[in-house]
PDB file of N, CA and C in Angstrom:
ATOM      1  N   MET A   1      -1.856 -28.606  47.816  1.00  0.00           N
ATOM      2  CA  MET A   1      -1.654 -27.287  47.233  1.00  0.00           C
ATOM      3  C   MET A   1      -1.934 -26.210  48.269  1.00  0.00           C
ATOM      4  N   SER A   2      -1.197 -25.163  48.158  1.00  0.00           N
ATOM      5  CA  SER A   2      -1.368 -24.076  49.111  1.00  0.00           C
ATOM      6  C   SER A   2      -2.585 -23.229  48.734  1.00  0.00           C
ATOM      7  N   PRO A   3      -3.152 -22.564  49.714  1.00  0.00           N
ATOM      8  CA  PRO A   3      -4.333 -21.723  49.441  1.00  0.00           C
ATOM      9  C   PRO A   3      -4.024 -20.558  48.488  1.00  0.00           C
ATOM     10  N   GLU A   4      -2.780 -20.046  48.545  1.00  0.00           N
ATOM     11  CA  GLU A   4      -2.423 -18.941  47.638  1.00  0.00           C
ATOM     12  C   GLU A   4      -2.419 -19.418  46.185  1.00  0.00           C
ATOM     13  N   LEU A   5      -1.890 -20.617  45.954  1.00  0.00           N
ATOM     14  CA  LEU A   5      -1.836 -21.184  44.597  1.00  0.00           C
ATOM     15  C   LEU A   5      -3.248 -21.453  44.080  1.00  0.00           C
ATOM     16  N   LEU A   6      -4.110 -21.991  44.934  1.00  0.00           N
ATOM     17  CA  LEU A   6      -5.500 -22.231  44.546  1.00  0.00           C
ATOM     18  C   LEU A   6      -6.212 -20.911  44.223  1.00  0.00           C
ATOM     19  N   GLY A   7      -5.896 -19.887  44.977  1.00  0.00           N
ATOM     20  CA  GLY A   7      -6.481 -18.568  44.723  1.00  0.00           C
ATOM     21  C   GLY A   7      -6.034 -18.019  43.376  1.00  0.00           C
ATOM     22  N   LEU A   8      -4.734 -18.190  43.049  1.00  0.00           N
ATOM     23  CA  LEU A   8      -4.224 -17.742  41.759  1.00  0.00           C
ATOM     24  C   LEU A   8      -4.871 -18.509  40.605  1.00  0.00           C
ATOM     25  N   ILE A   9      -4.985 -19.810  40.772  1.00  0.00           N
ATOM     26  CA  ILE A   9      -5.580 -20.634  39.722  1.00  0.00           C
ATOM     27  C   ILE A   9      -7.048 -20.263  39.514  1.00  0.00           C
ATOM     28  N   SER A  10      -7.768 -20.045  40.601  1.00  0.00           N
ATOM     29  CA  SER A  10      -9.185 -19.702  40.465  1.00  0.00           C
ATOM     30  C   SER A  10      -9.365 -18.302  39.883  1.00  0.00           C
ATOM     31  N   THR A  11      -8.372 -17.428  40.085  1.00  0.00           N
ATOM     32  CA  THR A  11      -8.461 -16.073  39.545  1.00  0.00           C
ATOM     33  C   THR A  11      -8.049 -16.029  38.081  1.00  0.00           C
ATOM     34  N   TYR A  12      -6.896 -16.585  37.760  1.00  0.00           N
ATOM     35  CA  TYR A  12      -6.352 -16.477  36.407  1.00  0.00           C
ATOM     36  C   TYR A  12      -6.632 -17.683  35.518  1.00  0.00           C
ATOM     37  N   GLY A  13      -7.060 -18.786  36.109  1.00  0.00           N
ATOM     38  CA  GLY A  13      -7.327 -20.002  35.345  1.00  0.00           C
ATOM     39  C   GLY A  13      -8.370 -19.813  34.251  1.00  0.00           C
ATOM     40  N   PRO A  14      -9.542 -19.239  34.560  1.00  0.00           N
ATOM     41  CA  PRO A  14     -10.556 -19.044  33.513  1.00  0.00           C
ATOM     42  C   PRO A  14     -10.077 -18.128  32.381  1.00  0.00           C
ATOM     43  N   ILE A  15      -9.272 -17.134  32.715  1.00  0.00           N
ATOM     44  CA  ILE A  15      -8.746 -16.227  31.687  1.00  0.00           C
ATOM     45  C   ILE A  15      -7.810 -16.982  30.751  1.00  0.00           C
ATOM     46  N   VAL A  16      -6.942 -17.803  31.312  1.00  0.00           N
ATOM     47  CA  VAL A  16      -6.012 -18.592  30.501  1.00  0.00           C
ATOM     48  C   VAL A  16      -6.778 -19.574  29.630  1.00  0.00           C
ATOM     49  N   VAL A  17      -7.804 -20.202  30.182  1.00  0.00           N
ATOM     50  CA  VAL A  17      -8.617 -21.148  29.412  1.00  0.00           C
ATOM     51  C   VAL A  17      -9.318 -20.423  28.258  1.00  0.00           C
ATOM     52  N   MET A  18      -9.858 -19.243  28.496  1.00  0.00           N
ATOM     53  CA  MET A  18     -10.528 -18.477  27.438  1.00  0.00           C
ATOM     54  C   MET A  18      -9.546 -18.091  26.336  1.00  0.00           C
ATOM     55  N   ILE A  19      -8.337 -17.699  26.723  1.00  0.00           N
ATOM     56  CA  ILE A  19      -7.318 -17.350  25.725  1.00  0.00           C
ATOM     57  C   ILE A  19      -6.987 -18.560  24.866  1.00  0.00           C
ATOM     58  N   LEU A  20      -6.840 -19.712  25.484  1.00  0.00           N
ATOM     59  CA  LEU A  20      -6.562 -20.938  24.724  1.00  0.00           C
ATOM     60  C   LEU A  20      -7.717 -21.296  23.793  1.00  0.00           C
ATOM     61  N   ILE A  21      -8.936 -21.145  24.256  1.00  0.00           N
ATOM     62  CA  ILE A  21     -10.108 -21.439  23.418  1.00  0.00           C
ATOM     63  C   ILE A  21     -10.138 -20.505  22.215  1.00  0.00           C
ATOM     64  N   PHE A  22      -9.930 -19.214  22.447  1.00  0.00           N
ATOM     65  CA  PHE A  22      -9.917 -18.265  21.333  1.00  0.00           C
ATOM     66  C   PHE A  22      -8.799 -18.586  20.359  1.00  0.00           C
ATOM     67  N   TYR A  23      -7.654 -18.985  20.851  1.00  0.00           N
ATOM     68  CA  TYR A  23      -6.532 -19.305  19.972  1.00  0.00           C
ATOM     69  C   TYR A  23      -6.867 -20.482  19.069  1.00  0.00           C
ATOM     70  N   PHE A  24      -7.373 -21.566  19.652  1.00  0.00           N
ATOM     71  CA  PHE A  24      -7.617 -22.775  18.867  1.00  0.00           C
ATOM     72  C   PHE A  24      -8.890 -22.713  18.025  1.00  0.00           C
ATOM     73  N   LEU A  25      -9.876 -21.934  18.441  1.00  0.00           N
ATOM     74  CA  LEU A  25     -11.119 -21.876  17.685  1.00  0.00           C
ATOM     75  C   LEU A  25     -11.188 -20.713  16.694  1.00  0.00           C
ATOM     76  N   LEU A  26     -10.443 -19.644  16.936  1.00  0.00           N
ATOM     77  CA  LEU A  26     -10.536 -18.478  16.068  1.00  0.00           C
ATOM     78  C   LEU A  26      -9.228 -18.145  15.348  1.00  0.00           C
ATOM     79  N   TYR A  27      -8.175 -17.958  16.088  1.00  0.00           N
ATOM     80  CA  TYR A  27      -6.932 -17.448  15.510  1.00  0.00           C
ATOM     81  C   TYR A  27      -6.267 -18.445  14.567  1.00  0.00           C
ATOM     82  N   ARG A  28      -6.072 -19.676  15.026  1.00  0.00           N
ATOM     83  CA  ARG A  28      -5.391 -20.685  14.196  1.00  0.00           C
ATOM     84  C   ARG A  28      -6.122 -20.991  12.898  1.00  0.00           C
ATOM     85  N   PRO A  29      -7.434 -21.242  12.913  1.00  0.00           N
ATOM     86  CA  PRO A  29      -8.134 -21.497  11.650  1.00  0.00           C
ATOM     87  C   PRO A  29      -8.093 -20.301  10.701  1.00  0.00           C
ATOM     88  N   GLN A  30      -8.171 -19.093  11.258  1.00  0.00           N
ATOM     89  CA  GLN A  30      -8.132 -17.904  10.414  1.00  0.00           C
ATOM     90  C   GLN A  30      -6.767 -17.763   9.749  1.00  0.00           C
ATOM     91  N   LYS A  31      -5.708 -18.018  10.477  1.00  0.00           N
ATOM     92  CA  LYS A  31      -4.359 -17.931   9.898  1.00  0.00           C
ATOM     93  C   LYS A  31      -4.168 -18.969   8.800  1.00  0.00           C
ATOM     94  N   SER A  32      -4.641 -20.194   9.012  1.00  0.00           N
ATOM     95  CA  SER A  32      -4.480 -21.223   7.985  1.00  0.00           C
ATOM     96  C   SER A  32      -5.314 -20.877   6.746  1.00  0.00           C
ATOM     97  N   GLU A  33      -6.493 -20.283   6.933  1.00  0.00           N
ATOM     98  CA  GLU A  33      -7.327 -19.861   5.813  1.00  0.00           C
ATOM     99  C   GLU A  33      -6.647 -18.731   5.032  1.00  0.00           C
ATOM    100  N   GLN A  34      -6.029 -17.790   5.738  1.00  0.00           N
ATOM    101  CA  GLN A  34      -5.300 -16.711   5.078  1.00  0.00           C
ATOM    102  C   GLN A  34      -4.133 -17.266   4.274  1.00  0.00           C
ATOM    103  N   LYS A  35      -3.458 -18.255   4.810  1.00  0.00           N
ATOM    104  CA  LYS A  35      -2.329 -18.871   4.120  1.00  0.00           C
ATOM    105  C   LYS A  35      -2.792 -19.553   2.833  1.00  0.00           C
ATOM    106  N   ARG A  36      -3.914 -20.302   2.913  1.00  0.00           N
ATOM    107  CA  ARG A  36      -4.462 -20.962   1.721  1.00  0.00           C
ATOM    108  C   ARG A  36      -4.882 -19.947   0.664  1.00  0.00           C
ATOM    109  N   ARG A  37      -5.517 -18.854   1.104  1.00  0.00           N
ATOM    110  CA  ARG A  37      -5.965 -17.817   0.162  1.00  0.00           C
ATOM    111  C   ARG A  37      -4.782 -17.152  -0.513  1.00  0.00           C
ATOM    112  N   LYS A  38      -3.745 -16.845   0.243  1.00  0.00           N
ATOM    113  CA  LYS A  38      -2.559 -16.211  -0.332  1.00  0.00           C
ATOM    114  C   LYS A  38      -1.910 -17.141  -1.352  1.00  0.00           C
ATOM    115  N   GLN A  39      -1.839 -18.424  -1.031  1.00  0.00           N
ATOM    116  CA  GLN A  39      -1.263 -19.398  -1.951  1.00  0.00           C
ATOM    117  C   GLN A  39      -2.091 -19.474  -3.237  1.00  0.00           C
ATOM    118  N   MET A  40      -3.417 -19.478  -3.108  1.00  0.00           N
ATOM    119  CA  MET A  40      -4.286 -19.530  -4.277  1.00  0.00           C
ATOM    120  C   MET A  40      -4.107 -18.295  -5.138  1.00  0.00           C
ATOM    121  N   LEU A  41      -4.041 -17.110  -4.526  1.00  0.00           N
ATOM    122  CA  LEU A  41      -3.878 -15.871  -5.282  1.00  0.00           C
ATOM    123  C   LEU A  41      -2.500 -15.786  -5.928  1.00  0.00           C
ATOM    124  N   ASP A  42      -1.478 -16.310  -5.263  1.00  0.00           N
ATOM    125  CA  ASP A  42      -0.132 -16.293  -5.835  1.00  0.00           C
ATOM    126  C   ASP A  42       0.005 -17.243  -7.022  1.00  0.00           C
ATOM    127  N   ASN A  43      -0.835 -18.267  -7.078  1.00  0.00           N
ATOM    128  CA  ASN A  43      -0.761 -19.253  -8.151  1.00  0.00           C
ATOM    129  C   ASN A  43      -1.660 -18.938  -9.339  1.00  0.00           C
ATOM    130  N   LEU A  44      -2.241 -17.730  -9.390  1.00  0.00           N
ATOM    131  CA  LEU A  44      -3.060 -17.358 -10.537  1.00  0.00           C
ATOM    132  C   LEU A  44      -2.162 -17.103 -11.745  1.00  0.00           C
ATOM    133  N   HIS A  45      -2.593 -17.623 -12.903  1.00  0.00           N
ATOM    134  CA  HIS A  45      -1.831 -17.453 -14.134  1.00  0.00           C
ATOM    135  C   HIS A  45      -2.784 -17.126 -15.278  1.00  0.00           C
ATOM    136  N   LYS A  46      -2.211 -16.616 -16.339  1.00  0.00           N
ATOM    137  CA  LYS A  46      -2.971 -16.333 -17.549  1.00  0.00           C
ATOM    138  C   LYS A  46      -3.645 -17.623 -18.026  1.00  0.00           C
ATOM    139  N   GLY A  47      -4.918 -17.519 -18.365  1.00  0.00           N
ATOM    140  CA  GLY A  47      -5.659 -18.675 -18.845  1.00  0.00           C
ATOM    141  C   GLY A  47      -6.451 -19.400 -17.778  1.00  0.00           C
ATOM    142  N   ASN A  48      -6.214 -19.096 -16.504  1.00  0.00           N
ATOM    143  CA  ASN A  48      -6.987 -19.733 -15.431  1.00  0.00           C
ATOM    144  C   ASN A  48      -8.438 -19.268 -15.487  1.00  0.00           C
ATOM    145  N   LYS A  49      -9.326 -20.172 -15.210  1.00  0.00           N
ATOM    146  CA  LYS A  49     -10.742 -19.833 -15.082  1.00  0.00           C
ATOM    147  C   LYS A  49     -10.986 -19.571 -13.597  1.00  0.00           C
ATOM    148  N   VAL A  50     -11.603 -18.424 -13.306  1.00  0.00           N
ATOM    149  CA  VAL A  50     -11.781 -18.005 -11.920  1.00  0.00           C
ATOM    150  C   VAL A  50     -13.215 -17.556 -11.680  1.00  0.00           C
ATOM    151  N   ILE A  51     -13.545 -17.462 -10.404  1.00  0.00           N
ATOM    152  CA  ILE A  51     -14.826 -16.926  -9.968  1.00  0.00           C
ATOM    153  C   ILE A  51     -14.510 -15.810  -8.977  1.00  0.00           C
ATOM    154  N   THR A  52     -15.105 -14.644  -9.182  1.00  0.00           N
ATOM    155  CA  THR A  52     -14.845 -13.523  -8.287  1.00  0.00           C
ATOM    156  C   THR A  52     -15.718 -13.632  -7.037  1.00  0.00           C
ATOM    157  N   VAL A  53     -15.418 -12.781  -6.070  1.00  0.00           N
ATOM    158  CA  VAL A  53     -16.208 -12.733  -4.841  1.00  0.00           C
ATOM    159  C   VAL A  53     -17.654 -12.377  -5.166  1.00  0.00           C
ATOM    160  N   GLY A  54     -17.869 -11.577  -6.206  1.00  0.00           N
ATOM    161  CA  GLY A  54     -19.215 -11.184  -6.614  1.00  0.00           C
ATOM    162  C   GLY A  54     -19.935 -12.228  -7.442  1.00  0.00           C
ATOM    163  N   GLY A  55     -19.266 -13.349  -7.763  1.00  0.00           N
ATOM    164  CA  GLY A  55     -19.915 -14.423  -8.496  1.00  0.00           C
ATOM    165  C   GLY A  55     -19.737 -14.364  -9.999  1.00  0.00           C
ATOM    166  N   ILE A  56     -18.820 -13.538 -10.478  1.00  0.00           N
ATOM    167  CA  ILE A  56     -18.577 -13.429 -11.917  1.00  0.00           C
ATOM    168  C   ILE A  56     -17.582 -14.504 -12.339  1.00  0.00           C
ATOM    169  N   TYR A  57     -17.959 -15.294 -13.351  1.00  0.00           N
ATOM    170  CA  TYR A  57     -17.086 -16.327 -13.897  1.00  0.00           C
ATOM    171  C   TYR A  57     -16.317 -15.720 -15.059  1.00  0.00           C
ATOM    172  N   GLY A  58     -15.023 -16.032 -15.150  1.00  0.00           N
ATOM    173  CA  GLY A  58     -14.241 -15.511 -16.263  1.00  0.00           C
ATOM    174  C   GLY A  58     -12.911 -16.215 -16.390  1.00  0.00           C
ATOM    175  N   GLU A  59     -12.176 -15.787 -17.411  1.00  0.00           N
ATOM    176  CA  GLU A  59     -10.854 -16.339 -17.697  1.00  0.00           C
ATOM    177  C   GLU A  59      -9.844 -15.197 -17.652  1.00  0.00           C
ATOM    178  N   ILE A  60      -8.724 -15.444 -16.998  1.00  0.00           N
ATOM    179  CA  ILE A  60      -7.697 -14.418 -16.867  1.00  0.00           C
ATOM    180  C   ILE A  60      -6.982 -14.260 -18.206  1.00  0.00           C
ATOM    181  N   LEU A  61      -6.986 -13.024 -18.724  1.00  0.00           N
ATOM    182  CA  LEU A  61      -6.264 -12.730 -19.956  1.00  0.00           C
ATOM    183  C   LEU A  61      -4.888 -12.142 -19.676  1.00  0.00           C
ATOM    184  N   GLU A  62      -4.807 -11.336 -18.621  1.00  0.00           N
ATOM    185  CA  GLU A  62      -3.536 -10.683 -18.308  1.00  0.00           C
ATOM    186  C   GLU A  62      -3.493 -10.328 -16.826  1.00  0.00           C
ATOM    187  N   ILE A  63      -2.304 -10.395 -16.263  1.00  0.00           N
ATOM    188  CA  ILE A  63      -2.107 -10.030 -14.860  1.00  0.00           C
ATOM    189  C   ILE A  63      -1.071  -8.916 -14.799  1.00  0.00           C
ATOM    190  N   LYS A  64      -1.454  -7.795 -14.233  1.00  0.00           N
ATOM    191  CA  LYS A  64      -0.541  -6.671 -14.020  1.00  0.00           C
ATOM    192  C   LYS A  64      -0.589  -6.315 -12.541  1.00  0.00           C
ATOM    193  N   ASP A  65       0.474  -6.588 -11.831  1.00  0.00           N
ATOM    194  CA  ASP A  65       0.544  -6.340 -10.392  1.00  0.00           C
ATOM    195  C   ASP A  65      -0.678  -6.923  -9.693  1.00  0.00           C
ATOM    196  N   ASN A  66      -1.558  -6.072  -9.188  1.00  0.00           N
ATOM    197  CA  ASN A  66      -2.743  -6.540  -8.467  1.00  0.00           C
ATOM    198  C   ASN A  66      -4.026  -6.365  -9.265  1.00  0.00           C
ATOM    199  N   VAL A  67      -3.904  -6.137 -10.579  1.00  0.00           N
ATOM    200  CA  VAL A  67      -5.069  -5.959 -11.432  1.00  0.00           C
ATOM    201  C   VAL A  67      -5.085  -7.056 -12.486  1.00  0.00           C
ATOM    202  N   LEU A  68      -6.250  -7.700 -12.649  1.00  0.00           N
ATOM    203  CA  LEU A  68      -6.402  -8.766 -13.634  1.00  0.00           C
ATOM    204  C   LEU A  68      -7.362  -8.315 -14.720  1.00  0.00           C
ATOM    205  N   ASP A  69      -7.049  -8.641 -15.974  1.00  0.00           N
ATOM    206  CA  ASP A  69      -8.001  -8.487 -17.061  1.00  0.00           C
ATOM    207  C   ASP A  69      -8.743  -9.800 -17.161  1.00  0.00           C
ATOM    208  N   LEU A  70     -10.047  -9.751 -16.969  1.00  0.00           N
ATOM    209  CA  LEU A  70     -10.867 -10.948 -16.887  1.00  0.00           C
ATOM    210  C   LEU A  70     -11.863 -10.962 -18.046  1.00  0.00           C
ATOM    211  N   LYS A  71     -11.792 -11.993 -18.874  1.00  0.00           N
ATOM    212  CA  LYS A  71     -12.729 -12.150 -19.993  1.00  0.00           C
ATOM    213  C   LYS A  71     -13.952 -12.876 -19.459  1.00  0.00           C
ATOM    214  N   ILE A  72     -15.111 -12.194 -19.506  1.00  0.00           N
ATOM    215  CA  ILE A  72     -16.329 -12.789 -18.966  1.00  0.00           C
ATOM    216  C   ILE A  72     -17.294 -13.219 -20.066  1.00  0.00           C
ATOM    217  N   ALA A  73     -17.079 -12.754 -21.283  1.00  0.00           N
ATOM    218  CA  ALA A  73     -17.891 -13.160 -22.443  1.00  0.00           C
ATOM    219  C   ALA A  73     -17.096 -12.769 -23.683  1.00  0.00           C
ATOM    220  N   ASP A  74     -17.593 -13.166 -24.869  1.00  0.00           N
ATOM    221  CA  ASP A  74     -16.919 -12.766 -26.103  1.00  0.00           C
ATOM    222  C   ASP A  74     -16.868 -11.254 -26.191  1.00  0.00           C
ATOM    223  N   LYS A  75     -15.678 -10.728 -26.401  1.00  0.00           N
ATOM    224  CA  LYS A  75     -15.426  -9.285 -26.550  1.00  0.00           C
ATOM    225  C   LYS A  75     -15.790  -8.471 -25.307  1.00  0.00           C
ATOM    226  N   VAL A  76     -15.872  -9.113 -24.151  1.00  0.00           N
ATOM    227  CA  VAL A  76     -16.147  -8.396 -22.903  1.00  0.00           C
ATOM    228  C   VAL A  76     -15.033  -8.707 -21.912  1.00  0.00           C
ATOM    229  N   VAL A  77     -14.215  -7.681 -21.623  1.00  0.00           N
ATOM    230  CA  VAL A  77     -13.098  -7.830 -20.691  1.00  0.00           C
ATOM    231  C   VAL A  77     -13.261  -6.778 -19.602  1.00  0.00           C
ATOM    232  N   ILE A  78     -13.157  -7.223 -18.356  1.00  0.00           N
ATOM    233  CA  ILE A  78     -13.235  -6.293 -17.234  1.00  0.00           C
ATOM    234  C   ILE A  78     -11.940  -6.364 -16.441  1.00  0.00           C
ATOM    235  N   LYS A  79     -11.672  -5.308 -15.709  1.00  0.00           N
ATOM    236  CA  LYS A  79     -10.512  -5.273 -14.816  1.00  0.00           C
ATOM    237  C   LYS A  79     -11.016  -5.506 -13.399  1.00  0.00           C
ATOM    238  N   VAL A  80     -10.365  -6.421 -12.698  1.00  0.00           N
ATOM    239  CA  VAL A  80     -10.715  -6.684 -11.307  1.00  0.00           C
ATOM    240  C   VAL A  80      -9.436  -6.741 -10.473  1.00  0.00           C
ATOM    241  N   SER A  81      -9.591  -6.496  -9.210  1.00  0.00           N
ATOM    242  CA  SER A  81      -8.486  -6.608  -8.274  1.00  0.00           C
ATOM    243  C   SER A  81      -8.172  -8.071  -8.041  1.00  0.00           C
ATOM    244  N   ARG A  82      -6.915  -8.377  -7.819  1.00  0.00           N
ATOM    245  CA  ARG A  82      -6.517  -9.760  -7.500  1.00  0.00           C
ATOM    246  C   ARG A  82      -7.247 -10.243  -6.246  1.00  0.00           C
ATOM    247  N   ALA A  83      -7.478  -9.336  -5.298  1.00  0.00           N
ATOM    248  CA  ALA A  83      -8.154  -9.709  -4.048  1.00  0.00           C
ATOM    249  C   ALA A  83      -9.627 -10.052  -4.274  1.00  0.00           C
ATOM    250  N   ALA A  84     -10.181  -9.700  -5.430  1.00  0.00           N
ATOM    251  CA  ALA A  84     -11.583  -9.986  -5.721  1.00  0.00           C
ATOM    252  C   ALA A  84     -11.792 -11.416  -6.187  1.00  0.00           C
ATOM    253  N   ILE A  85     -10.712 -12.168  -6.393  1.00  0.00           N
ATOM    254  CA  ILE A  85     -10.834 -13.553  -6.844  1.00  0.00           C
ATOM    255  C   ILE A  85     -11.141 -14.438  -5.646  1.00  0.00           C
ATOM    256  N   ASN A  86     -12.198 -15.231  -5.767  1.00  0.00           N
ATOM    257  CA  ASN A  86     -12.596 -16.140  -4.691  1.00  0.00           C
ATOM    258  C   ASN A  86     -12.183 -17.572  -4.978  1.00  0.00           C
ATOM    259  N   THR A  87     -12.221 -17.978  -6.240  1.00  0.00           N
ATOM    260  CA  THR A  87     -11.980 -19.366  -6.589  1.00  0.00           C
ATOM    261  C   THR A  87     -11.169 -19.452  -7.871  1.00  0.00           C
ATOM    262  N   ASN A  88     -10.177 -20.322  -7.867  1.00  0.00           N
ATOM    263  CA  ASN A  88      -9.450 -20.653  -9.090  1.00  0.00           C
ATOM    264  C   ASN A  88     -10.055 -21.959  -9.589  1.00  0.00           C
ATOM    265  N   ALA A  89     -11.041 -21.855 -10.469  1.00  0.00           N
ATOM    266  CA  ALA A  89     -11.784 -23.029 -10.930  1.00  0.00           C
ATOM    267  C   ALA A  89     -10.922 -23.948 -11.782  1.00  0.00           C
ATOM    268  N   SER A  90      -9.866 -23.437 -12.384  1.00  0.00           N
ATOM    269  CA  SER A  90      -8.995 -24.266 -13.213  1.00  0.00           C
ATOM    270  C   SER A  90      -8.285 -25.321 -12.380  1.00  0.00           C
ATOM    271  N   GLN A  91      -7.902 -24.957 -11.169  1.00  0.00           N
ATOM    272  CA  GLN A  91      -7.168 -25.880 -10.312  1.00  0.00           C
ATOM    273  C   GLN A  91      -8.044 -26.444  -9.202  1.00  0.00           C
ATOM    274  N   GLY A  92      -9.284 -25.990  -9.142  1.00  0.00           N
ATOM    275  CA  GLY A  92     -10.174 -26.477  -8.098  1.00  0.00           C
ATOM    276  C   GLY A  92      -9.834 -25.910  -6.733  1.00  0.00           C
ATOM    277  N   LEU A  93      -9.025 -24.834  -6.690  1.00  0.00           N
ATOM    278  CA  LEU A  93      -8.683 -24.222  -5.413  1.00  0.00           C
ATOM    279  C   LEU A  93      -9.770 -23.231  -5.045  1.00  0.00           C
ATOM    280  N   SER A  94     -10.313 -23.390  -3.880  1.00  0.00           N
ATOM    281  CA  SER A  94     -11.448 -22.591  -3.477  1.00  0.00           C
ATOM    282  C   SER A  94     -11.273 -22.103  -2.051  1.00  0.00           C
ATOM    283  N   ILE A  95     -11.915 -21.010  -1.762  1.00  0.00           N
ATOM    284  CA  ILE A  95     -11.976 -20.518  -0.404  1.00  0.00           C
ATOM    285  C   ILE A  95     -13.387 -20.812   0.099  1.00  0.00           C
ATOM    286  N   LYS A  96     -13.558 -21.969   0.728  1.00  0.00           N
ATOM    287  CA  LYS A  96     -14.852 -22.364   1.287  1.00  0.00           C
ATOM    288  C   LYS A  96     -15.968 -22.184   0.264  1.00  0.00           C
ATOM    289  N   ASN A  97     -15.860 -22.829  -0.894  1.00  0.00           N
ATOM    290  CA  ASN A  97     -16.864 -22.709  -1.927  1.00  0.00           C
ATOM    291  C   ASN A  97     -17.455 -24.086  -2.230  1.00  0.00           C
ATOM    292  N   PRO A  98     -18.510 -24.480  -1.528  1.00  0.00           N
ATOM    293  CA  PRO A  98     -19.082 -25.801  -1.748  1.00  0.00           C
ATOM    294  C   PRO A  98     -19.732 -25.933  -3.121  1.00  0.00           C
ATOM    295  N   GLU A  99     -20.149 -24.811  -3.745  1.00  0.00           N
ATOM    296  CA  GLU A  99     -20.761 -24.870  -5.069  1.00  0.00           C
ATOM    297  C   GLU A  99     -19.786 -25.449  -6.083  1.00  0.00           C
ATOM    298  N   LEU A 100     -18.522 -25.063  -5.983  1.00  0.00           N
ATOM    299  CA  LEU A 100     -17.526 -25.557  -6.921  1.00  0.00           C
ATOM    300  C   LEU A 100     -17.361 -27.056  -6.766  1.00  0.00           C
ATOM    301  N   GLU A 101     -17.350 -27.535  -5.541  1.00  0.00           N
ATOM    302  CA  GLU A 101     -17.214 -28.966  -5.294  1.00  0.00           C
ATOM    303  C   GLU A 101     -18.394 -29.725  -5.891  1.00  0.00           C
ATOM    304  N   GLU A 102     -19.623 -29.161  -5.788  1.00  0.00           N
ATOM    305  CA  GLU A 102     -20.798 -29.800  -6.363  1.00  0.00           C
ATOM    306  C   GLU A 102     -20.703 -29.829  -7.886  1.00  0.00           C
ATOM    307  N   GLU A 103     -20.255 -28.700  -8.511  1.00  0.00           N
ATOM    308  CA  GLU A 103     -20.131 -28.628  -9.951  1.00  0.00           C
ATOM    309  C   GLU A 103     -19.117 -29.650 -10.456  1.00  0.00           C
ATOM    310  N   SER A 104     -17.973 -29.747  -9.781  1.00  0.00           N
ATOM    311  CA  SER A 104     -16.947 -30.672 -10.239  1.00  0.00           C
ATOM    312  C   SER A 104     -17.404 -32.124 -10.084  1.00  0.00           C
ATOM    313  N   SER A 105     -18.159 -32.422  -9.035  1.00  0.00           N
ATOM    314  CA  SER A 105     -18.649 -33.797  -8.870  1.00  0.00           C
ATOM    315  C   SER A 105     -19.725 -34.102  -9.908  1.00  0.00           C
ATOM    316  N   ASP A 106     -20.533 -33.104 -10.292  1.00  0.00           N
ATOM    317  CA  ASP A 106     -21.538 -33.295 -11.340  1.00  0.00           C
ATOM    318  C   ASP A 106     -20.873 -33.546 -12.692  1.00  0.00           C
ATOM    319  N   GLU A 107     -19.784 -32.822 -12.972  1.00  0.00           N
ATOM    320  CA  GLU A 107     -19.071 -32.985 -14.231  1.00  0.00           C
ATOM    321  C   GLU A 107     -18.413 -34.360 -14.289  1.00  0.00           C
ATOM    322  N   GLU A 108     -17.912 -34.848 -13.166  1.00  0.00           N
ATOM    323  CA  GLU A 108     -17.276 -36.156 -13.138  1.00  0.00           C
ATOM    324  C   GLU A 108     -18.267 -37.270 -13.400  1.00  0.00           C
ATOM    325  N   LYS A 109     -19.522 -37.078 -12.984  1.00  0.00           N
ATOM    326  CA  LYS A 109     -20.539 -38.096 -13.176  1.00  0.00           C
ATOM    327  C   LYS A 109     -20.947 -38.225 -14.645  1.00  0.00           C
ATOM    328  N   LYS A 110     -20.825 -37.138 -15.417  1.00  0.00           N
ATOM    329  CA  LYS A 110     -21.232 -37.145 -16.827  1.00  0.00           C
ATOM    330  C   LYS A 110     -20.344 -37.927 -17.691  1.00  0.00           C
TER     331      LYS A 110
END
């Protein structure tokens, strides 16, 4: 190899390696997580049991654009943003929610 090529590799090589590391460790996993979340939010339907980002458990009564009517107790209905939904407990679709996995495994054991 020529000295000029070695100089280029030693100068730009670490930068290229860092870009590749950031791509595979940060960008790709984040994009796949966004895709899963969008799919979960698009599959919400009336009657689904959900958990909000704030930890509120409820059942979807109605969906209007990006606003959901969520029944959290008898005669108690709140409006939440579609983006506030963290878990679709009816289908077991979760965004990194290990609690749901523990609950479902506990229910299966009973």
